[in-house]
Amino acid sequence: MSQHRVRTPDPRSRLSQALAQVMHETRQRQLEAEREGLSALEHLIRVAEGHSGQSHHLRRLLLGLYNGYHWPFEMQRLRGLDADLQADALTVIRMATYSGHEIHTFIEGGDALLKRFWEIEEAEDE
């Protein structure tokens, strides 16, 4: 007979507690990023719908978040934005990074809006 006994691990072991803590912190980061990011996203969209140089840079940022493979975002474009827009852009990037949702899903009619931005930017590239 073996002298080793098989036991069921304590479900609240240190490892499971650490995992639960990481999952909780991750979820809190997601919620905070979304809470802060939604108003920033609305602001960026309003400006992106305009006709200024800042509008152009913001369309490129939003398209980069939408489809970074086709629309890689050049970081120097942030320099073309005023301080408030820079802050909002970074907030939206943070939201897109941590939320777990595609950026267009936060916008009513987001897919159509970003496709319109796509057409505008393609026309400007010609």
N, C-alpha and C. Protein backbone atom coordinates (compact mmCIF):
# COMPACT_ATOMS: atom_id res chain seq x y z
N MET A 1 0.83 -1.17 0.00
CA MET A 1 0.00 0.00 0.00
C MET A 1 0.88 1.24 0.00
N SER A 2 0.49 2.22 -0.80
CA SER A 2 1.26 3.45 -0.94
C SER A 2 1.08 4.33 0.28
N GLN A 3 2.12 5.03 0.64
CA GLN A 3 2.03 5.95 1.77
C GLN A 3 1.65 7.37 1.33
N HIS A 4 1.42 7.55 0.06
CA HIS A 4 1.02 8.87 -0.47
C HIS A 4 -0.48 8.89 -0.66
N ARG A 5 -1.08 9.93 -0.18
CA ARG A 5 -2.52 10.06 -0.32
C ARG A 5 -2.82 11.13 -1.35
N VAL A 6 -3.81 10.88 -2.14
CA VAL A 6 -4.26 11.85 -3.14
C VAL A 6 -5.28 12.74 -2.46
N ARG A 7 -5.18 14.03 -2.71
CA ARG A 7 -6.13 14.96 -2.12
C ARG A 7 -6.58 15.96 -3.15
N THR A 8 -7.70 16.53 -2.91
CA THR A 8 -8.22 17.58 -3.77
C THR A 8 -7.61 18.90 -3.33
N PRO A 9 -7.02 19.65 -4.27
CA PRO A 9 -6.40 20.92 -3.87
C PRO A 9 -7.44 21.89 -3.32
N ASP A 10 -7.00 22.68 -2.40
CA ASP A 10 -7.85 23.73 -1.84
C ASP A 10 -8.17 24.72 -2.96
N PRO A 11 -9.47 24.95 -3.25
CA PRO A 11 -9.82 25.86 -4.35
C PRO A 11 -9.35 27.29 -4.10
N ARG A 12 -9.04 27.61 -2.86
CA ARG A 12 -8.55 28.96 -2.55
C ARG A 12 -7.05 28.95 -2.32
N SER A 13 -6.36 28.07 -3.03
CA SER A 13 -4.90 28.02 -2.90
C SER A 13 -4.31 29.36 -3.33
N ARG A 14 -3.07 29.58 -3.00
CA ARG A 14 -2.41 30.85 -3.34
C ARG A 14 -2.41 31.09 -4.85
N LEU A 15 -2.22 30.04 -5.61
CA LEU A 15 -2.21 30.20 -7.06
C LEU A 15 -3.58 30.62 -7.57
N SER A 16 -4.63 29.96 -7.10
CA SER A 16 -5.96 30.35 -7.56
C SER A 16 -6.34 31.73 -7.07
N GLN A 17 -5.90 32.10 -5.87
CA GLN A 17 -6.14 33.46 -5.37
C GLN A 17 -5.43 34.49 -6.23
N ALA A 18 -4.19 34.19 -6.60
CA ALA A 18 -3.42 35.12 -7.45
C ALA A 18 -4.07 35.25 -8.82
N LEU A 19 -4.53 34.14 -9.38
CA LEU A 19 -5.20 34.17 -10.67
C LEU A 19 -6.49 34.98 -10.59
N ALA A 20 -7.26 34.76 -9.53
CA ALA A 20 -8.50 35.53 -9.36
C ALA A 20 -8.20 37.02 -9.23
N GLN A 21 -7.13 37.37 -8.55
CA GLN A 21 -6.75 38.78 -8.40
C GLN A 21 -6.36 39.39 -9.74
N VAL A 22 -5.59 38.65 -10.53
CA VAL A 22 -5.19 39.14 -11.86
C VAL A 22 -6.41 39.33 -12.75
N MET A 23 -7.33 38.39 -12.70
CA MET A 23 -8.54 38.49 -13.51
C MET A 23 -9.39 39.68 -13.07
N HIS A 24 -9.48 39.90 -11.79
CA HIS A 24 -10.23 41.05 -11.27
C HIS A 24 -9.58 42.36 -11.71
N GLU A 25 -8.27 42.46 -11.59
CA GLU A 25 -7.56 43.68 -11.99
C GLU A 25 -7.69 43.92 -13.49
N THR A 26 -7.64 42.86 -14.27
CA THR A 26 -7.79 42.99 -15.72
C THR A 26 -9.18 43.51 -16.06
N ARG A 27 -10.19 42.97 -15.41
CA ARG A 27 -11.57 43.42 -15.67
C ARG A 27 -11.75 44.87 -15.25
N GLN A 28 -11.17 45.26 -14.13
CA GLN A 28 -11.26 46.65 -13.67
C GLN A 28 -10.57 47.58 -14.67
N ARG A 29 -9.43 47.16 -15.21
CA ARG A 29 -8.72 47.95 -16.22
C ARG A 29 -9.57 48.11 -17.47
N GLN A 30 -10.24 47.03 -17.88
CA GLN A 30 -11.12 47.09 -19.05
C GLN A 30 -12.25 48.08 -18.82
N LEU A 31 -12.91 47.97 -17.69
CA LEU A 31 -14.04 48.86 -17.40
C LEU A 31 -13.60 50.31 -17.31
N GLU A 32 -12.48 50.56 -16.67
CA GLU A 32 -11.97 51.94 -16.55
C GLU A 32 -11.61 52.50 -17.93
N ALA A 33 -10.95 51.68 -18.74
CA ALA A 33 -10.55 52.13 -20.08
C ALA A 33 -11.79 52.45 -20.92
N GLU A 34 -12.82 51.64 -20.82
CA GLU A 34 -14.05 51.91 -21.58
C GLU A 34 -14.76 53.15 -21.05
N ARG A 35 -14.83 53.28 -19.74
CA ARG A 35 -15.51 54.44 -19.14
C ARG A 35 -14.84 55.74 -19.57
N GLU A 36 -13.52 55.78 -19.53
CA GLU A 36 -12.78 56.97 -19.94
C GLU A 36 -12.77 57.15 -21.45
N GLY A 37 -12.78 56.04 -22.16
CA GLY A 37 -12.60 56.10 -23.60
C GLY A 37 -13.82 56.51 -24.40
N LEU A 38 -15.00 56.25 -23.89
CA LEU A 38 -16.20 56.53 -24.68
C LEU A 38 -16.38 58.00 -25.00
N SER A 39 -16.22 58.88 -24.04
CA SER A 39 -16.37 60.31 -24.33
C SER A 39 -15.23 60.80 -25.21
N ALA A 40 -14.03 60.27 -25.00
CA ALA A 40 -12.90 60.63 -25.85
C ALA A 40 -13.16 60.20 -27.29
N LEU A 41 -13.71 59.01 -27.46
CA LEU A 41 -14.02 58.51 -28.80
C LEU A 41 -15.05 59.39 -29.49
N GLU A 42 -16.08 59.80 -28.77
CA GLU A 42 -17.08 60.70 -29.35
C GLU A 42 -16.44 62.00 -29.82
N HIS A 43 -15.55 62.54 -29.02
CA HIS A 43 -14.86 63.78 -29.39
C HIS A 43 -14.02 63.57 -30.65
N LEU A 44 -13.27 62.49 -30.70
CA LEU A 44 -12.42 62.22 -31.87
C LEU A 44 -13.26 62.06 -33.14
N ILE A 45 -14.39 61.40 -33.02
CA ILE A 45 -15.25 61.20 -34.19
C ILE A 45 -15.77 62.54 -34.70
N ARG A 46 -16.21 63.40 -33.79
CA ARG A 46 -16.71 64.72 -34.21
C ARG A 46 -15.65 65.48 -34.99
N VAL A 47 -14.43 65.46 -34.50
CA VAL A 47 -13.35 66.17 -35.20
C VAL A 47 -12.98 65.45 -36.49
N ALA A 48 -12.96 64.12 -36.47
CA ALA A 48 -12.59 63.34 -37.66
C ALA A 48 -13.55 63.56 -38.81
N GLU A 49 -14.78 63.94 -38.51
CA GLU A 49 -15.76 64.18 -39.56
C GLU A 49 -15.55 65.53 -40.25
N GLY A 50 -14.63 66.32 -39.75
CA GLY A 50 -14.36 67.63 -40.33
C GLY A 50 -13.43 67.57 -41.53
N HIS A 51 -12.85 68.74 -41.86
CA HIS A 51 -12.02 68.85 -43.06
C HIS A 51 -10.64 69.43 -42.77
N SER A 52 -10.22 69.41 -41.52
CA SER A 52 -8.93 69.99 -41.15
C SER A 52 -7.83 68.93 -41.19
N GLY A 53 -6.61 69.38 -41.01
CA GLY A 53 -5.49 68.44 -40.90
C GLY A 53 -5.64 67.52 -39.71
N GLN A 54 -6.17 68.07 -38.61
CA GLN A 54 -6.41 67.25 -37.43
C GLN A 54 -7.46 66.17 -37.73
N SER A 55 -8.46 66.52 -38.52
CA SER A 55 -9.48 65.55 -38.92
C SER A 55 -8.83 64.39 -39.67
N HIS A 56 -7.94 64.73 -40.58
CA HIS A 56 -7.22 63.73 -41.36
C HIS A 56 -6.43 62.79 -40.45
N HIS A 57 -5.68 63.36 -39.50
CA HIS A 57 -4.88 62.53 -38.59
C HIS A 57 -5.77 61.63 -37.73
N LEU A 58 -6.91 62.15 -37.30
CA LEU A 58 -7.81 61.36 -36.46
C LEU A 58 -8.50 60.25 -37.25
N ARG A 59 -8.84 60.53 -38.50
CA ARG A 59 -9.39 59.45 -39.33
C ARG A 59 -8.37 58.33 -39.46
N ARG A 60 -7.11 58.69 -39.65
CA ARG A 60 -6.06 57.69 -39.78
C ARG A 60 -5.87 56.90 -38.47
N LEU A 61 -5.98 57.59 -37.35
CA LEU A 61 -5.89 56.90 -36.06
C LEU A 61 -7.03 55.90 -35.91
N LEU A 62 -8.24 56.35 -36.17
CA LEU A 62 -9.40 55.47 -36.02
C LEU A 62 -9.36 54.31 -37.02
N LEU A 63 -8.91 54.58 -38.23
CA LEU A 63 -8.76 53.51 -39.20
C LEU A 63 -7.66 52.53 -38.78
N GLY A 64 -6.60 53.04 -38.17
CA GLY A 64 -5.54 52.16 -37.67
C GLY A 64 -6.05 51.22 -36.59
N LEU A 65 -6.94 51.73 -35.75
CA LEU A 65 -7.54 50.88 -34.72
C LEU A 65 -8.55 49.89 -35.32
N TYR A 66 -9.18 50.31 -36.40
CA TYR A 66 -10.19 49.50 -37.09
C TYR A 66 -9.54 48.39 -37.91
N ASN A 67 -8.50 48.74 -38.65
CA ASN A 67 -7.81 47.79 -39.51
C ASN A 67 -6.36 48.22 -39.65
N GLY A 68 -5.57 47.90 -38.63
CA GLY A 68 -4.18 48.33 -38.60
C GLY A 68 -3.32 47.73 -39.70
N TYR A 69 -3.73 46.59 -40.22
CA TYR A 69 -2.97 45.98 -41.31
C TYR A 69 -3.02 46.86 -42.55
N HIS A 70 -4.21 47.34 -42.90
CA HIS A 70 -4.37 48.18 -44.08
C HIS A 70 -4.03 49.65 -43.79
N TRP A 71 -4.29 50.10 -42.56
CA TRP A 71 -4.09 51.49 -42.19
C TRP A 71 -3.14 51.60 -41.00
N PRO A 72 -1.84 51.29 -41.20
CA PRO A 72 -0.91 51.45 -40.07
C PRO A 72 -0.85 52.93 -39.67
N PHE A 73 -0.81 53.17 -38.37
CA PHE A 73 -0.83 54.54 -37.87
C PHE A 73 0.60 54.99 -37.58
N GLU A 74 0.98 56.07 -38.24
CA GLU A 74 2.31 56.64 -38.01
C GLU A 74 2.24 57.53 -36.78
N MET A 75 3.05 57.23 -35.78
CA MET A 75 2.98 57.90 -34.49
C MET A 75 3.22 59.41 -34.57
N GLN A 76 3.97 59.88 -35.57
CA GLN A 76 4.22 61.32 -35.67
C GLN A 76 2.94 62.10 -35.95
N ARG A 77 1.89 61.42 -36.36
CA ARG A 77 0.61 62.09 -36.58
C ARG A 77 0.06 62.68 -35.28
N LEU A 78 0.44 62.09 -34.15
CA LEU A 78 0.00 62.65 -32.87
C LEU A 78 0.52 64.08 -32.68
N ARG A 79 1.64 64.39 -33.29
CA ARG A 79 2.20 65.75 -33.18
C ARG A 79 1.35 66.78 -33.90
N GLY A 80 0.54 66.33 -34.84
CA GLY A 80 -0.33 67.23 -35.59
C GLY A 80 -1.64 67.54 -34.87
N LEU A 81 -1.78 67.02 -33.66
CA LEU A 81 -3.01 67.23 -32.89
C LEU A 81 -2.77 68.20 -31.75
N ASP A 82 -3.80 68.97 -31.40
CA ASP A 82 -3.65 69.83 -30.22
C ASP A 82 -3.64 68.94 -28.97
N ALA A 83 -3.31 69.54 -27.83
CA ALA A 83 -3.10 68.76 -26.59
C ALA A 83 -4.35 67.98 -26.17
N ASP A 84 -5.53 68.59 -26.30
CA ASP A 84 -6.76 67.88 -25.91
C ASP A 84 -7.01 66.67 -26.80
N LEU A 85 -6.79 66.84 -28.09
CA LEU A 85 -6.99 65.72 -29.01
C LEU A 85 -5.94 64.64 -28.80
N GLN A 86 -4.70 65.04 -28.49
CA GLN A 86 -3.66 64.04 -28.18
C GLN A 86 -4.08 63.20 -26.98
N ALA A 87 -4.55 63.86 -25.94
CA ALA A 87 -4.97 63.15 -24.73
C ALA A 87 -6.13 62.20 -25.05
N ASP A 88 -7.10 62.68 -25.82
CA ASP A 88 -8.23 61.81 -26.18
C ASP A 88 -7.77 60.65 -27.06
N ALA A 89 -6.84 60.91 -27.96
CA ALA A 89 -6.33 59.84 -28.83
C ALA A 89 -5.67 58.75 -27.99
N LEU A 90 -4.86 59.14 -27.03
CA LEU A 90 -4.19 58.15 -26.17
C LEU A 90 -5.21 57.40 -25.31
N THR A 91 -6.24 58.09 -24.88
CA THR A 91 -7.30 57.44 -24.10
C THR A 91 -8.02 56.40 -24.95
N VAL A 92 -8.29 56.72 -26.21
CA VAL A 92 -8.98 55.78 -27.11
C VAL A 92 -8.05 54.61 -27.44
N ILE A 93 -6.78 54.87 -27.62
CA ILE A 93 -5.83 53.78 -27.85
C ILE A 93 -5.83 52.84 -26.64
N ARG A 94 -5.83 53.41 -25.45
CA ARG A 94 -5.87 52.60 -24.23
C ARG A 94 -7.16 51.77 -24.20
N MET A 95 -8.28 52.40 -24.54
CA MET A 95 -9.54 51.67 -24.55
C MET A 95 -9.48 50.51 -25.54
N ALA A 96 -8.97 50.77 -26.72
CA ALA A 96 -8.88 49.73 -27.75
C ALA A 96 -7.95 48.59 -27.31
N THR A 97 -6.94 48.94 -26.54
CA THR A 97 -5.98 47.94 -26.07
C THR A 97 -6.56 47.04 -24.99
N TYR A 98 -7.26 47.63 -24.04
CA TYR A 98 -7.70 46.88 -22.86
C TYR A 98 -9.14 46.39 -22.89
N SER A 99 -9.97 46.94 -23.73
CA SER A 99 -11.40 46.63 -23.64
C SER A 99 -11.75 45.23 -24.10
N GLY A 100 -11.05 44.70 -25.05
CA GLY A 100 -11.41 43.40 -25.59
C GLY A 100 -12.47 43.46 -26.69
N HIS A 101 -12.85 44.68 -27.08
CA HIS A 101 -13.84 44.86 -28.14
C HIS A 101 -13.23 45.67 -29.28
N GLU A 102 -13.66 45.40 -30.48
CA GLU A 102 -13.22 46.18 -31.63
C GLU A 102 -13.77 47.60 -31.51
N ILE A 103 -12.99 48.57 -31.94
CA ILE A 103 -13.32 49.98 -31.76
C ILE A 103 -14.66 50.35 -32.40
N HIS A 104 -14.96 49.79 -33.57
CA HIS A 104 -16.20 50.16 -34.25
C HIS A 104 -17.45 49.68 -33.52
N THR A 105 -17.30 48.71 -32.61
CA THR A 105 -18.47 48.22 -31.88
C THR A 105 -18.93 49.19 -30.80
N PHE A 106 -18.11 50.16 -30.47
CA PHE A 106 -18.48 51.18 -29.49
C PHE A 106 -19.27 52.33 -30.12
N ILE A 107 -19.38 52.33 -31.45
CA ILE A 107 -19.99 53.44 -32.18
C ILE A 107 -21.26 52.94 -32.85
N GLU A 108 -22.35 53.64 -32.65
CA GLU A 108 -23.57 53.28 -33.36
C GLU A 108 -23.32 53.51 -34.85
N GLY A 109 -23.52 52.47 -35.65
CA GLY A 109 -23.20 52.56 -37.08
C GLY A 109 -21.71 52.66 -37.33
N GLY A 110 -20.92 52.12 -36.41
CA GLY A 110 -19.46 52.25 -36.45
C GLY A 110 -18.81 51.67 -37.68
N ASP A 111 -19.29 50.53 -38.13
CA ASP A 111 -18.70 49.91 -39.31
C ASP A 111 -18.90 50.81 -40.53
N ALA A 112 -20.10 51.35 -40.69
CA ALA A 112 -20.39 52.25 -41.82
C ALA A 112 -19.58 53.54 -41.71
N LEU A 113 -19.47 54.08 -40.51
CA LEU A 113 -18.70 55.32 -40.31
C LEU A 113 -17.24 55.11 -40.69
N LEU A 114 -16.66 54.02 -40.23
CA LEU A 114 -15.25 53.79 -40.54
C LEU A 114 -15.04 53.45 -42.00
N LYS A 115 -16.01 52.83 -42.63
CA LYS A 115 -15.91 52.60 -44.08
C LYS A 115 -15.96 53.92 -44.83
N ARG A 116 -16.77 54.87 -44.32
CA ARG A 116 -16.80 56.21 -44.94
C ARG A 116 -15.45 56.91 -44.76
N PHE A 117 -14.87 56.83 -43.56
CA PHE A 117 -13.54 57.39 -43.33
C PHE A 117 -12.52 56.73 -44.26
N TRP A 118 -12.67 55.43 -44.48
CA TRP A 118 -11.78 54.67 -45.37
C TRP A 118 -11.84 55.27 -46.77
N GLU A 119 -13.06 55.50 -47.26
CA GLU A 119 -13.22 56.07 -48.60
C GLU A 119 -12.62 57.47 -48.69
N ILE A 120 -12.84 58.29 -47.67
CA ILE A 120 -12.27 59.65 -47.66
C ILE A 120 -10.76 59.58 -47.73
N GLU A 121 -10.16 58.74 -46.91
CA GLU A 121 -8.70 58.66 -46.88
C GLU A 121 -8.12 58.04 -48.13
N GLU A 122 -8.80 57.08 -48.71
CA GLU A 122 -8.33 56.51 -49.98
C GLU A 122 -8.37 57.57 -51.07
N ALA A 123 -9.42 58.38 -51.09
CA ALA A 123 -9.54 59.45 -52.10
C ALA A 123 -8.42 60.46 -51.91
N GLU A 124 -8.06 60.77 -50.67
CA GLU A 124 -6.99 61.74 -50.42
C GLU A 124 -5.63 61.20 -50.82
N ASP A 125 -5.46 59.87 -50.79
CA ASP A 125 -4.20 59.26 -51.17
C ASP A 125 -3.97 59.28 -52.68
N GLU A 126 -5.05 59.45 -53.45
CA GLU A 126 -4.93 59.40 -54.92
C GLU A 126 -4.30 60.64 -55.47
